Amino acid sequence: MENANIIENNRTQMRRGVLEYSILLILAAGDEYASSIIQKLKDVNIIVAEGTTYPLLIRLKKLGLLNYRWEESPQGPPRKYYMITEMGREQLAGLDKAWEELSEAVCTIRKGRG
């Protein structure tokens, strides 16, 4: 059972490592409100808590990578829609390059292990 816990902990750490990248990817496709971002992450099996996502969105905004606007909602109170900024797009381009390099390196190692 301990091995399963270690594996799950590693999975969690890997997901956290790509969370910022994943959020920027989602917002590059279009503006979204926080619970929609969380749902899109869950849809691809990146399970995150609101308590993780909201502080990250605030941090990304403070860094100038995101901005937001308030928009009326047909289902309740106004929603805060997040959008990627030009600086965010530049950051995303850098993360895309880093992801490709890392992914290629890991794939090379995996192919060589057998």
C-alpha atoms as a PDB file:
ATOM      1  CA  MET A   1       0.000   0.000   0.000  1.00  0.00           C
ATOM      2  CA  GLU A   2       2.887   2.377   0.682  1.00  0.00           C
ATOM      3  CA  ASN A   3       4.071   2.132  -2.927  1.00  0.00           C
ATOM      4  CA  ALA A   4       0.608   3.219  -4.115  1.00  0.00           C
ATOM      5  CA  ASN A   5       0.817   6.278  -1.831  1.00  0.00           C
ATOM      6  CA  ILE A   6       4.225   7.197  -3.214  1.00  0.00           C
ATOM      7  CA  ILE A   7       2.970   6.878  -6.784  1.00  0.00           C
ATOM      8  CA  GLU A   8      -0.110   9.001  -6.034  1.00  0.00           C
ATOM      9  CA  ASN A   9       2.059  11.634  -4.339  1.00  0.00           C
ATOM     10  CA  ASN A  10       4.312  11.733  -7.415  1.00  0.00           C
ATOM     11  CA  ARG A  11       1.268  12.127  -9.681  1.00  0.00           C
ATOM     12  CA  THR A  12       0.020  15.014  -7.546  1.00  0.00           C
ATOM     13  CA  GLN A  13       3.406  16.741  -7.693  1.00  0.00           C
ATOM     14  CA  MET A  14       3.574  16.308 -11.469  1.00  0.00           C
ATOM     15  CA  ARG A  15       0.085  17.804 -11.883  1.00  0.00           C
ATOM     16  CA  ARG A  16       0.992  20.780  -9.703  1.00  0.00           C
ATOM     17  CA  GLY A  17       4.085  21.290 -11.826  1.00  0.00           C
ATOM     18  CA  VAL A  18       2.034  21.744 -14.976  1.00  0.00           C
ATOM     19  CA  LEU A  19      -0.914  23.641 -13.481  1.00  0.00           C
ATOM     20  CA  GLU A  20       0.275  27.142 -14.438  1.00  0.00           C
ATOM     21  CA  TYR A  21       1.059  25.932 -17.957  1.00  0.00           C
ATOM     22  CA  SER A  22      -2.348  24.255 -18.236  1.00  0.00           C
ATOM     23  CA  ILE A  23      -4.199  27.377 -17.113  1.00  0.00           C
ATOM     24  CA  LEU A  24      -2.347  29.524 -19.650  1.00  0.00           C
ATOM     25  CA  LEU A  25      -3.160  26.972 -22.365  1.00  0.00           C
ATOM     26  CA  ILE A  26      -6.861  27.077 -21.461  1.00  0.00           C
ATOM     27  CA  LEU A  27      -6.943  30.872 -21.479  1.00  0.00           C
ATOM     28  CA  ALA A  28      -5.031  31.089 -24.756  1.00  0.00           C
ATOM     29  CA  ALA A  29      -8.058  29.382 -26.324  1.00  0.00           C
ATOM     30  CA  GLY A  30     -10.472  31.965 -24.861  1.00  0.00           C
ATOM     31  CA  ASP A  31     -11.576  33.852 -21.767  1.00  0.00           C
ATOM     32  CA  GLU A  32     -12.911  31.712 -18.899  1.00  0.00           C
ATOM     33  CA  TYR A  33     -14.200  32.157 -15.373  1.00  0.00           C
ATOM     34  CA  ALA A  34     -12.512  30.304 -12.501  1.00  0.00           C
ATOM     35  CA  SER A  35     -14.972  27.443 -12.037  1.00  0.00           C
ATOM     36  CA  SER A  36     -14.933  26.828 -15.795  1.00  0.00           C
ATOM     37  CA  ILE A  37     -11.121  26.624 -15.718  1.00  0.00           C
ATOM     38  CA  ILE A  38     -11.333  24.143 -12.838  1.00  0.00           C
ATOM     39  CA  GLN A  39     -13.884  22.049 -14.740  1.00  0.00           C
ATOM     40  CA  LYS A  40     -11.722  22.002 -17.889  1.00  0.00           C
ATOM     41  CA  LEU A  41      -8.792  20.791 -15.798  1.00  0.00           C
ATOM     42  CA  LYS A  42     -10.959  18.097 -14.201  1.00  0.00           C
ATOM     43  CA  ASP A  43     -12.217  17.050 -17.646  1.00  0.00           C
ATOM     44  CA  VAL A  44      -8.653  16.051 -18.564  1.00  0.00           C
ATOM     45  CA  ASN A  45      -8.001  14.440 -15.180  1.00  0.00           C
ATOM     46  CA  ILE A  46      -5.990  17.285 -13.664  1.00  0.00           C
ATOM     47  CA  ILE A  47      -7.836  17.348 -10.366  1.00  0.00           C
ATOM     48  CA  VAL A  48      -7.368  20.621  -8.511  1.00  0.00           C
ATOM     49  CA  ALA A  49      -9.089  22.230  -5.574  1.00  0.00           C
ATOM     50  CA  GLU A  50     -10.505  25.723  -5.657  1.00  0.00           C
ATOM     51  CA  GLY A  51      -8.103  26.530  -2.834  1.00  0.00           C
ATOM     52  CA  THR A  52      -5.221  25.824  -5.205  1.00  0.00           C
ATOM     53  CA  THR A  53      -6.617  27.477  -8.324  1.00  0.00           C
ATOM     54  CA  TYR A  54      -7.784  30.836  -6.997  1.00  0.00           C
ATOM     55  CA  PRO A  55      -4.438  31.798  -5.396  1.00  0.00           C
ATOM     56  CA  LEU A  56      -2.666  30.738  -8.594  1.00  0.00           C
ATOM     57  CA  LEU A  57      -4.967  32.937 -10.711  1.00  0.00           C
ATOM     58  CA  ILE A  58      -4.268  35.861  -8.373  1.00  0.00           C
ATOM     59  CA  ARG A  59      -0.510  35.236  -8.592  1.00  0.00           C
ATOM     60  CA  LEU A  60      -0.612  35.027 -12.406  1.00  0.00           C
ATOM     61  CA  LYS A  61      -2.528  38.326 -12.505  1.00  0.00           C
ATOM     62  CA  LYS A  62       0.003  40.011 -10.202  1.00  0.00           C
ATOM     63  CA  LEU A  63       2.752  38.793 -12.545  1.00  0.00           C
ATOM     64  CA  GLY A  64       0.952  40.426 -15.464  1.00  0.00           C
ATOM     65  CA  LEU A  65       0.244  37.119 -17.220  1.00  0.00           C
ATOM     66  CA  LEU A  66      -3.540  37.368 -16.808  1.00  0.00           C
ATOM     67  CA  ASN A  67      -6.151  40.054 -16.578  1.00  0.00           C
ATOM     68  CA  TYR A  68      -9.863  39.840 -15.806  1.00  0.00           C
ATOM     69  CA  ARG A  69     -13.182  41.527 -16.365  1.00  0.00           C
ATOM     70  CA  TRP A  70     -16.533  41.219 -14.618  1.00  0.00           C
ATOM     71  CA  GLU A  71     -19.446  40.007 -16.686  1.00  0.00           C
ATOM     72  CA  GLU A  72     -23.100  39.560 -15.801  1.00  0.00           C
ATOM     73  CA  SER A  73     -24.194  35.942 -15.473  1.00  0.00           C
ATOM     74  CA  PRO A  74     -27.598  34.580 -16.431  1.00  0.00           C
ATOM     75  CA  GLN A  75     -27.261  32.184 -13.478  1.00  0.00           C
ATOM     76  CA  GLY A  76     -26.525  34.300 -10.422  1.00  0.00           C
ATOM     77  CA  PRO A  77     -23.945  36.942  -9.549  1.00  0.00           C
ATOM     78  CA  PRO A  78     -21.503  38.475 -12.048  1.00  0.00           C
ATOM     79  CA  ARG A  79     -18.543  36.315 -13.026  1.00  0.00           C
ATOM     80  CA  LYS A  80     -14.892  37.253 -13.166  1.00  0.00           C
ATOM     81  CA  TYR A  81     -13.583  36.214 -16.595  1.00  0.00           C
ATOM     82  CA  TYR A  82      -9.837  35.712 -16.877  1.00  0.00           C
ATOM     83  CA  MET A  83      -7.925  36.402 -20.064  1.00  0.00           C
ATOM     84  CA  ILE A  84      -4.313  35.906 -21.039  1.00  0.00           C
ATOM     85  CA  THR A  85      -2.235  39.063 -21.587  1.00  0.00           C
ATOM     86  CA  GLU A  86       0.494  39.613 -24.158  1.00  0.00           C
ATOM     87  CA  MET A  87       3.067  38.918 -21.449  1.00  0.00           C
ATOM     88  CA  GLY A  88       1.126  35.744 -20.647  1.00  0.00           C
ATOM     89  CA  ARG A  89       1.331  34.684 -24.298  1.00  0.00           C
ATOM     90  CA  GLU A  90       5.101  35.230 -24.220  1.00  0.00           C
ATOM     91  CA  GLN A  91       5.318  33.140 -21.032  1.00  0.00           C
ATOM     92  CA  LEU A  92       3.181  30.460 -22.677  1.00  0.00           C
ATOM     93  CA  ALA A  93       5.488  30.361 -25.698  1.00  0.00           C
ATOM     94  CA  GLY A  94       8.439  29.800 -23.350  1.00  0.00           C
ATOM     95  CA  LEU A  95       6.558  27.092 -21.472  1.00  0.00           C
ATOM     96  CA  ASP A  96       5.613  25.437 -24.781  1.00  0.00           C
ATOM     97  CA  LYS A  97       9.294  25.255 -25.709  1.00  0.00           C
ATOM     98  CA  ALA A  98      10.285  23.968 -22.266  1.00  0.00           C
ATOM     99  CA  TRP A  99       7.489  21.353 -22.376  1.00  0.00           C
ATOM    100  CA  GLU A 100       8.594  20.109 -25.802  1.00  0.00           C
ATOM    101  CA  GLU A 101      12.216  19.819 -24.663  1.00  0.00           C
ATOM    102  CA  LEU A 102      11.293  18.043 -21.425  1.00  0.00           C
ATOM    103  CA  SER A 103       8.796  15.742 -23.109  1.00  0.00           C
ATOM    104  CA  GLU A 104      11.292  14.796 -25.797  1.00  0.00           C
ATOM    105  CA  ALA A 105      13.988  14.090 -23.201  1.00  0.00           C
ATOM    106  CA  VAL A 106      11.690  11.901 -21.089  1.00  0.00           C
ATOM    107  CA  CYS A 107      10.463  10.016 -24.181  1.00  0.00           C
ATOM    108  CA  THR A 108      14.075   9.373 -25.202  1.00  0.00           C
ATOM    109  CA  ILE A 109      14.890   8.008 -21.756  1.00  0.00           C
ATOM    110  CA  ARG A 110      11.741   5.845 -21.707  1.00  0.00           C
ATOM    111  CA  LYS A 111      12.565   4.332 -25.107  1.00  0.00           C
ATOM    112  CA  GLY A 112      16.037   3.433 -23.928  1.00  0.00           C
ATOM    113  CA  ARG A 113      15.011   1.665 -20.738  1.00  0.00           C
ATOM    114  CA  GLY A 114      13.869  -1.562 -22.413  1.00  0.00           C
END
